[in-house]
Protein backbone atom coordinates (compact mmCIF):
# COMPACT_ATOMS: atom_id res chain seq x y z
CA MET A 1 134.23 69.53 60.81
CA ILE A 2 137.28 69.80 59.32
CA SER A 3 138.45 66.21 58.55
CA MET A 4 141.25 64.83 60.36
CA GLU A 5 144.70 64.07 58.03
CA LYS A 6 146.38 62.40 60.41
CA LEU A 7 145.65 60.47 63.31
CA PHE A 8 148.08 61.08 66.46
CA TRP A 9 147.23 57.66 68.75
CA ASN A 10 146.10 54.36 66.90
CA LYS A 11 143.09 54.15 66.27
CA GLU A 12 142.47 50.19 66.96
CA LYS A 13 144.11 51.21 71.33
CA THR A 14 141.02 54.34 70.84
CA ARG A 15 138.29 52.92 70.25
CA GLY A 16 139.29 50.06 72.85
CA SER A 17 139.88 52.96 75.19
CA PHE A 18 136.60 55.07 73.34
CA ASP A 19 133.97 51.32 74.67
CA LEU A 20 135.59 51.56 77.93
CA LEU A 21 134.80 55.11 78.99
CA HIS A 22 130.79 54.69 77.63
CA LYS A 23 130.58 51.89 79.58
CA LEU A 24 132.02 53.18 82.84
CA ALA A 25 129.67 56.32 82.60
CA LYS A 26 127.15 54.10 83.00
CA GLU A 27 128.16 52.45 85.45
CA VAL A 28 129.95 55.03 88.01
CA ASP A 29 129.19 59.18 88.11
CA PHE A 30 132.91 60.49 87.64
CA VAL A 31 133.40 64.31 85.60
CA LEU A 32 135.51 63.57 82.19
CA ILE A 33 138.73 65.49 81.43
CA GLY A 34 141.26 65.18 79.56
CA GLY A 35 141.96 64.32 75.81
CA TRP A 36 138.45 61.75 75.34
CA ALA A 37 136.84 65.04 76.40
CA VAL A 38 138.04 67.92 74.13
CA TYR A 39 136.58 65.01 71.75
CA PHE A 40 133.38 64.95 73.28
CA TYR A 41 133.86 68.91 71.84
CA VAL A 42 135.13 69.27 68.64
CA ARG A 43 134.84 65.89 67.91
CA GLN A 44 138.33 65.88 66.50
CA GLN A 45 142.08 62.91 67.66
CA GLU A 46 140.95 60.72 70.09
CA SER A 47 142.01 60.09 73.16
CA LEU A 48 144.62 57.13 74.77
CA ASP A 49 143.45 57.45 78.01
CA VAL A 50 140.47 58.21 80.28
CA ASP A 51 140.86 60.81 82.89
CA ILE A 52 138.21 61.26 85.00
CA ALA A 53 137.31 63.65 88.22
CA ILE A 54 135.33 61.32 90.22
CA ARG A 55 134.41 61.64 94.20
CA TYR A 56 136.80 60.29 96.94
CA ASP A 57 134.27 57.26 98.05
CA LYS A 58 133.30 56.42 94.01
CA ILE A 59 136.54 54.55 93.81
CA ASP A 60 134.51 51.22 95.05
CA TYR A 61 133.88 49.96 91.53
CA PHE A 62 137.02 50.49 90.25
CA LYS A 63 138.93 48.13 93.23
CA ARG A 64 137.94 45.17 91.94
CA PHE A 65 140.72 46.14 88.62
CA GLY A 66 143.07 46.85 91.46
CA VAL A 67 143.41 50.91 92.18
CA SER A 68 147.37 52.29 92.41
CA GLN A 69 148.55 54.83 92.47
CA TYR A 70 150.97 57.38 90.90
CA GLU A 71 154.55 57.12 92.09
CA SER A 72 154.93 61.42 93.51
CA MET A 73 151.63 62.16 93.15
CA LYS A 74 148.03 62.94 93.91
CA ILE A 75 146.65 60.78 91.00
CA LYS A 76 145.11 57.38 91.58
CA TYR A 77 144.70 55.09 88.40
CA SER A 78 143.56 51.23 87.74
CA ILE A 79 144.12 49.21 84.44
CA ILE A 80 140.88 47.94 83.02
CA ASP A 81 141.84 45.54 79.47
CA ASN A 82 144.98 47.94 79.93
CA ILE A 83 143.73 50.68 79.44
CA TYR A 84 144.56 53.21 82.11
CA VAL A 85 141.75 55.00 83.83
CA ASP A 86 143.46 58.31 85.83
CA MET A 87 141.32 59.58 88.88
CA PHE A 88 141.70 62.88 89.97
CA LEU A 89 140.05 62.43 93.20
CA THR A 90 137.97 64.93 95.66
CA GLU A 91 140.58 66.48 98.24
CA PHE A 92 143.00 63.75 97.64
CA SER A 93 144.32 65.79 94.08
CA ASP A 94 143.62 69.40 94.42
CA LYS A 95 147.27 69.65 94.05
CA GLU A 96 147.74 68.33 91.13
CA LEU A 97 145.08 70.59 88.83
CA PRO A 98 144.15 74.09 89.33
CA ILE A 99 141.11 73.63 89.51
CA PRO A 100 139.45 71.43 92.89
CA VAL A 101 138.01 68.52 92.38
CA SER A 102 134.95 69.44 93.53
CA LYS A 103 134.57 71.88 91.83
CA ILE A 104 134.92 70.23 87.98
CA LEU A 105 132.00 68.22 89.89
CA LYS A 106 129.98 71.29 90.00
CA ASN A 107 131.13 72.40 86.59
CA TYR A 108 129.88 70.03 83.51
CA ILE A 109 127.99 69.41 80.50
CA LYS A 110 126.54 66.08 79.54
CA ILE A 111 127.01 65.30 75.94
CA ASP A 112 126.22 61.74 74.52
CA GLY A 113 124.94 60.01 78.67
CA VAL A 114 128.77 61.14 79.06
CA LYS A 115 129.71 64.70 81.86
CA VAL A 116 132.51 66.43 80.69
CA VAL A 117 134.33 68.93 82.59
CA GLU A 118 133.14 72.04 81.22
CA LYS A 119 135.30 73.43 78.00
CA GLU A 120 136.97 76.43 79.59
CA MET A 121 137.58 74.37 82.35
CA LEU A 122 139.47 71.90 80.12
CA LEU A 123 141.01 74.36 78.54
CA LEU A 124 142.78 75.04 82.50
CA LEU A 125 143.23 71.70 82.44
CA LYS A 126 144.37 70.93 79.60
CA LEU A 127 146.91 74.17 79.64
CA TRP A 128 148.21 72.64 82.84
CA GLY A 129 150.09 69.51 81.45
CA TYR A 130 153.11 72.65 79.70
CA PHE A 131 155.17 70.83 83.06
CA ARG A 132 154.89 67.21 82.02
CA ASN A 133 158.18 65.19 81.62
CA ASP A 134 156.18 63.29 78.60
CA GLU A 135 157.23 64.77 75.75
CA VAL A 136 154.77 63.81 73.36
CA LYS A 137 151.85 63.23 75.84
CA VAL A 138 152.81 67.47 75.90
CA ARG A 139 151.75 67.71 71.79
CA LYS A 140 148.97 66.38 71.59
CA ASP A 141 148.09 68.81 74.41
CA ILE A 142 149.28 70.96 72.09
CA ILE A 143 147.23 69.71 69.25
CA ASP A 144 143.95 69.31 71.82
CA VAL A 145 144.82 73.16 73.06
CA ILE A 146 144.41 74.81 69.76
CA SER A 147 141.37 72.72 68.49
CA LEU A 148 139.76 72.99 71.48
CA LEU A 149 140.24 77.08 70.81
CA PHE A 150 139.73 76.94 67.14
CA TYR A 151 136.85 74.38 66.98
CA GLY A 152 135.75 74.96 70.60
CA ASP A 153 133.93 77.83 71.11
CA VAL A 154 135.42 78.42 74.18
CA ASP A 155 134.83 81.77 75.73
CA LEU A 156 137.86 83.29 76.35
CA TYR A 157 136.65 86.40 78.78
CA ARG A 158 135.15 83.23 81.29
CA PHE A 159 138.50 81.21 80.78
CA LYS A 160 139.92 85.05 82.21
CA ASN A 161 138.04 85.45 84.96
CA LEU A 162 138.57 81.35 85.82
CA VAL A 163 141.79 81.80 85.84
CA LYS A 164 141.29 84.78 88.17
CA SER A 165 139.68 82.94 90.68
CA CYS A 166 141.63 79.87 90.88
CA GLY A 167 145.12 82.01 90.96
CA VAL A 168 146.38 79.93 88.60
CA GLU A 169 149.67 82.82 87.54
CA LYS A 170 149.94 84.05 83.32
CA ARG A 171 153.45 81.49 83.14
CA ARG A 172 151.03 78.88 83.73
CA SER A 173 148.10 79.26 81.43
CA THR A 174 148.16 82.30 79.14
CA ASP A 175 151.73 83.14 78.26
CA VAL A 176 150.92 78.54 78.01
CA LEU A 177 148.76 78.87 75.71
CA LEU A 178 150.14 81.99 73.01
CA GLU A 179 153.97 79.45 72.91
CA TYR A 180 151.48 76.84 72.42
CA LEU A 181 149.54 78.59 69.07
CA ASP A 182 153.62 79.19 68.31
CA LYS A 183 154.04 76.05 68.60
CA GLY A 184 151.49 74.02 67.17
CA GLU A 185 152.40 75.32 63.02
CA THR A 186 154.65 72.21 63.41
CA LEU A 187 152.08 70.20 63.75
CA LEU A 188 149.01 71.38 61.64
CA GLU A 189 148.77 67.46 60.25
CA TYR A 190 146.96 66.78 63.18
CA ILE A 191 144.97 69.78 63.44
CA GLY A 192 143.79 69.29 60.12
CA ILE A 193 144.54 72.86 59.02
CA ASP A 194 147.00 74.50 56.04
CA GLY A 195 149.43 76.44 57.27
CA LYS A 196 148.64 80.12 55.62
CA GLU A 197 144.92 79.48 57.66
CA TYR A 198 146.61 78.30 60.55
CA ALA A 199 148.42 82.17 59.91
CA ALA A 200 145.96 83.62 60.12
CA ARG A 201 143.60 82.40 62.92
CA ARG A 202 146.58 82.29 65.41
CA LYS A 203 147.75 85.67 64.92
CA GLU A 204 143.52 86.21 65.56
CA TYR A 205 143.73 84.34 69.00
CA LYS A 206 147.06 85.84 69.99
CA ASN A 207 145.33 89.19 69.34
CA ARG A 208 142.53 88.44 71.36
CA ILE A 209 144.61 86.35 74.11
CA ASN A 210 146.81 89.49 74.40
CA GLU A 211 143.71 91.42 75.36
CA ILE A 212 142.29 89.72 78.02
CA SER A 213 145.78 89.31 79.70
C-alpha cells in the first residue's frame, strides 16, 4: 500500500475517533459507513467523525451521552469525548441516503471486529456527499472516493447494478464519480500518487466508468 505523504485531518483527533469506534463496536450493533469505512478497506486517510447505520431500537445505548438531531435532516448524533457519532437510522434516515438503511445493515463484511458496509455500497454513499454544503468535507469525500476506487478493488459492474436497483440518477452517481476523478488531480498530496501515474489511472477508470454507464 502506498504510504501517505500528508494527513488530511489532525492525527491526535483521528486517533481518538478510531479508539472510540472500536469501543463502540464492542458494545453496540451497527454497520460502519463514511470515512472510517473507507479507511478499513484501503488504510490511507483517517476520519474525524464516526458514521454508522443502526437500527432505531439500538440507539438507547447513546442516550447516556445525549442524542440530538441535525436541523432539517433525518440524522441523529451523539457527541462522545468531543467526537461526533452520526447515526443513520432504519426508516427514519432513509431519505438522507441513496440506499435504505435496512439494506446497508444486511450488506457488510467484518474487518478487525467491525462491521463495515460493502465497498460498492460505500462508494455510492460517498458520492452522495457531493451535495454537502461543507466544502472541506467534500474534498475529503473526493480523496476517499478516489482511494477506494484505485486501491479498494471495487467491482464497477456490481456498483452499476446497485445504482440501477436503487434508482439513483447518473447525476448523483457515475457523473459525480467522473467529476471527482478530475478534481482529484488537485489533491494528490493526500492520495499518495504522482501526477503522471494519476493521469494514467484517471484515464483508465474514466474509460471503464463510461463503458458501464
